Amino acid sequence: MQIPVYCTTTNKTTTIDIEDILFINLHGNKIMIQTADSIYRPLTSLKDYAELLNEHGFEKLENSTLINLKKL
């Protein structure tokens, strides 16, 4: 499943596969999506991602972090 994101490295909007996400967390007041090779910013809220990604193996560790259990 592909999701739209903003790439902080290239400063462009792109899509990434949810299988590539290691975790999503709140850093200060910004949501960050971490993959093995880059950091992205979401185009929606952390709450929306929690609902969307729950059925794909992501679990909420705390109020500010979602983790991909398949990547542990």
N, C-alpha and C. Protein backbone atom coordinates (compact mmCIF):
# COMPACT_ATOMS: atom_id res chain seq x y z
N MET A 1 0.85 -1.17 0.00
CA MET A 1 0.00 0.00 0.00
C MET A 1 0.90 1.24 0.00
N GLN A 2 0.66 2.13 -0.91
CA GLN A 2 1.41 3.37 -1.04
C GLN A 2 0.67 4.50 -0.33
N ILE A 3 1.43 5.37 0.35
CA ILE A 3 0.84 6.54 0.99
C ILE A 3 1.61 7.78 0.55
N PRO A 4 0.90 8.90 0.38
CA PRO A 4 1.58 10.13 -0.01
C PRO A 4 2.28 10.76 1.19
N VAL A 5 3.49 11.28 0.96
CA VAL A 5 4.30 11.90 2.00
C VAL A 5 5.13 13.04 1.39
N TYR A 6 5.71 13.84 2.27
CA TYR A 6 6.64 14.89 1.87
C TYR A 6 8.04 14.45 2.27
N CYS A 7 8.96 14.38 1.33
CA CYS A 7 10.32 13.95 1.60
C CYS A 7 11.16 15.14 2.07
N THR A 8 11.73 15.04 3.26
CA THR A 8 12.52 16.14 3.80
C THR A 8 13.88 16.26 3.13
N THR A 9 14.33 15.20 2.47
CA THR A 9 15.63 15.22 1.79
C THR A 9 15.54 15.94 0.44
N THR A 10 14.50 15.62 -0.32
CA THR A 10 14.35 16.19 -1.66
C THR A 10 13.42 17.40 -1.70
N ASN A 11 12.70 17.63 -0.60
CA ASN A 11 11.71 18.71 -0.53
C ASN A 11 10.62 18.57 -1.58
N LYS A 12 10.21 17.32 -1.83
CA LYS A 12 9.16 17.04 -2.80
C LYS A 12 8.14 16.07 -2.22
N THR A 13 6.93 16.14 -2.73
CA THR A 13 5.89 15.19 -2.36
C THR A 13 6.10 13.92 -3.19
N THR A 14 5.95 12.78 -2.54
CA THR A 14 6.15 11.49 -3.19
C THR A 14 5.25 10.47 -2.51
N THR A 15 5.40 9.22 -2.85
CA THR A 15 4.69 8.14 -2.15
C THR A 15 5.71 7.13 -1.66
N ILE A 16 5.37 6.47 -0.54
CA ILE A 16 6.21 5.39 -0.04
C ILE A 16 5.32 4.19 0.28
N ASP A 17 5.90 3.04 0.26
CA ASP A 17 5.19 1.81 0.60
C ASP A 17 5.18 1.68 2.13
N ILE A 18 4.06 1.33 2.70
CA ILE A 18 3.98 1.22 4.16
C ILE A 18 4.90 0.15 4.71
N GLU A 19 5.29 -0.83 3.87
CA GLU A 19 6.21 -1.87 4.30
C GLU A 19 7.61 -1.32 4.58
N ASP A 20 7.92 -0.14 4.03
CA ASP A 20 9.23 0.48 4.22
C ASP A 20 9.32 1.32 5.48
N ILE A 21 8.20 1.58 6.14
CA ILE A 21 8.18 2.43 7.33
C ILE A 21 8.67 1.65 8.54
N LEU A 22 9.66 2.22 9.22
CA LEU A 22 10.15 1.62 10.46
C LEU A 22 9.28 2.08 11.63
N PHE A 23 9.06 3.39 11.71
CA PHE A 23 8.18 3.93 12.74
C PHE A 23 7.74 5.34 12.35
N ILE A 24 6.71 5.81 13.03
CA ILE A 24 6.20 7.16 12.89
C ILE A 24 6.15 7.74 14.28
N ASN A 25 6.72 8.95 14.45
CA ASN A 25 6.65 9.54 15.78
C ASN A 25 6.52 11.05 15.71
N LEU A 26 6.18 11.60 16.84
CA LEU A 26 6.03 13.03 16.99
C LEU A 26 7.34 13.57 17.51
N HIS A 27 7.94 14.49 16.76
CA HIS A 27 9.21 15.11 17.15
C HIS A 27 8.95 16.61 17.31
N GLY A 28 8.87 17.06 18.57
CA GLY A 28 8.42 18.43 18.80
C GLY A 28 6.96 18.51 18.44
N ASN A 29 6.63 19.36 17.49
CA ASN A 29 5.24 19.45 17.04
C ASN A 29 5.08 18.93 15.61
N LYS A 30 6.09 18.19 15.11
CA LYS A 30 6.05 17.66 13.75
C LYS A 30 6.03 16.13 13.77
N ILE A 31 5.22 15.57 12.91
CA ILE A 31 5.16 14.12 12.75
C ILE A 31 6.24 13.72 11.75
N MET A 32 7.04 12.72 12.11
CA MET A 32 8.11 12.24 11.25
C MET A 32 7.90 10.75 10.95
N ILE A 33 8.10 10.37 9.70
CA ILE A 33 8.01 8.99 9.25
C ILE A 33 9.43 8.54 8.92
N GLN A 34 9.91 7.52 9.61
CA GLN A 34 11.29 7.05 9.42
C GLN A 34 11.30 5.76 8.61
N THR A 35 12.07 5.76 7.52
CA THR A 35 12.35 4.55 6.77
C THR A 35 13.84 4.25 6.95
N ALA A 36 14.33 3.21 6.34
CA ALA A 36 15.74 2.86 6.46
C ALA A 36 16.65 3.91 5.83
N ASP A 37 16.13 4.63 4.83
CA ASP A 37 16.99 5.56 4.11
C ASP A 37 16.60 7.03 4.16
N SER A 38 15.46 7.37 4.74
CA SER A 38 15.06 8.78 4.72
C SER A 38 14.02 9.08 5.80
N ILE A 39 13.76 10.37 5.95
CA ILE A 39 12.72 10.85 6.87
C ILE A 39 11.69 11.61 6.04
N TYR A 40 10.43 11.34 6.33
CA TYR A 40 9.33 11.96 5.59
C TYR A 40 8.39 12.65 6.56
N ARG A 41 7.62 13.57 6.03
CA ARG A 41 6.56 14.22 6.77
C ARG A 41 5.24 13.75 6.17
N PRO A 42 4.27 13.43 7.01
CA PRO A 42 2.98 12.96 6.50
C PRO A 42 2.14 14.11 5.96
N LEU A 43 1.16 13.74 5.18
CA LEU A 43 0.21 14.71 4.67
C LEU A 43 -1.13 14.61 5.41
N THR A 44 -1.12 13.90 6.54
CA THR A 44 -2.31 13.74 7.37
C THR A 44 -1.87 13.62 8.83
N SER A 45 -2.81 13.46 9.74
CA SER A 45 -2.49 13.43 11.17
C SER A 45 -2.00 12.05 11.64
N LEU A 46 -1.34 12.03 12.78
CA LEU A 46 -0.88 10.77 13.38
C LEU A 46 -2.07 9.88 13.72
N LYS A 47 -3.14 10.47 14.17
CA LYS A 47 -4.36 9.70 14.49
C LYS A 47 -4.90 9.01 13.23
N ASP A 48 -4.89 9.71 12.12
CA ASP A 48 -5.35 9.11 10.86
C ASP A 48 -4.46 7.95 10.45
N TYR A 49 -3.13 8.12 10.60
CA TYR A 49 -2.21 7.04 10.29
C TYR A 49 -2.42 5.84 11.21
N ALA A 50 -2.68 6.09 12.48
CA ALA A 50 -2.91 4.99 13.42
C ALA A 50 -4.10 4.15 12.98
N GLU A 51 -5.17 4.80 12.56
CA GLU A 51 -6.36 4.09 12.11
C GLU A 51 -6.10 3.35 10.79
N LEU A 52 -5.41 4.01 9.87
CA LEU A 52 -5.14 3.43 8.56
C LEU A 52 -4.18 2.25 8.63
N LEU A 53 -3.14 2.36 9.45
CA LEU A 53 -2.07 1.37 9.45
C LEU A 53 -2.24 0.25 10.47
N ASN A 54 -3.22 0.34 11.34
CA ASN A 54 -3.46 -0.67 12.36
C ASN A 54 -3.59 -2.06 11.76
N GLU A 55 -4.33 -2.19 10.70
CA GLU A 55 -4.54 -3.51 10.08
C GLU A 55 -3.33 -3.99 9.27
N HIS A 56 -2.30 -3.16 9.18
CA HIS A 56 -1.09 -3.52 8.43
C HIS A 56 0.10 -3.79 9.35
N GLY A 57 -0.15 -4.04 10.63
CA GLY A 57 0.90 -4.44 11.54
C GLY A 57 1.55 -3.32 12.35
N PHE A 58 0.95 -2.14 12.35
CA PHE A 58 1.49 -1.04 13.13
C PHE A 58 0.76 -0.96 14.47
N GLU A 59 1.52 -0.71 15.51
CA GLU A 59 0.96 -0.58 16.86
C GLU A 59 1.39 0.74 17.47
N LYS A 60 0.51 1.28 18.26
CA LYS A 60 0.79 2.53 18.97
C LYS A 60 1.57 2.20 20.24
N LEU A 61 2.80 2.72 20.35
CA LEU A 61 3.60 2.50 21.55
C LEU A 61 3.20 3.47 22.65
N GLU A 62 2.96 4.68 22.27
CA GLU A 62 2.52 5.73 23.18
C GLU A 62 1.75 6.72 22.33
N ASN A 63 1.32 7.81 22.90
CA ASN A 63 0.51 8.76 22.15
C ASN A 63 1.25 9.40 20.97
N SER A 64 2.57 9.33 20.98
CA SER A 64 3.32 10.02 19.94
C SER A 64 4.10 9.09 19.01
N THR A 65 3.91 7.76 19.10
CA THR A 65 4.70 6.84 18.28
C THR A 65 3.89 5.66 17.79
N LEU A 66 4.00 5.37 16.48
CA LEU A 66 3.48 4.16 15.86
C LEU A 66 4.69 3.37 15.40
N ILE A 67 4.69 2.07 15.60
CA ILE A 67 5.83 1.25 15.20
C ILE A 67 5.35 0.12 14.31
N ASN A 68 6.14 -0.19 13.29
CA ASN A 68 5.84 -1.29 12.39
C ASN A 68 6.39 -2.56 13.01
N LEU A 69 5.53 -3.41 13.56
CA LEU A 69 5.96 -4.63 14.25
C LEU A 69 6.69 -5.60 13.32
N LYS A 70 6.43 -5.51 12.03
CA LYS A 70 7.10 -6.39 11.08
C LYS A 70 8.58 -6.05 10.92
N LYS A 71 8.98 -4.86 11.36
CA LYS A 71 10.37 -4.41 11.20
C LYS A 71 11.20 -4.60 12.48
N LEU A 72 10.60 -5.18 13.51
CA LEU A 72 11.35 -5.42 14.75
C LEU A 72 12.21 -6.65 14.65
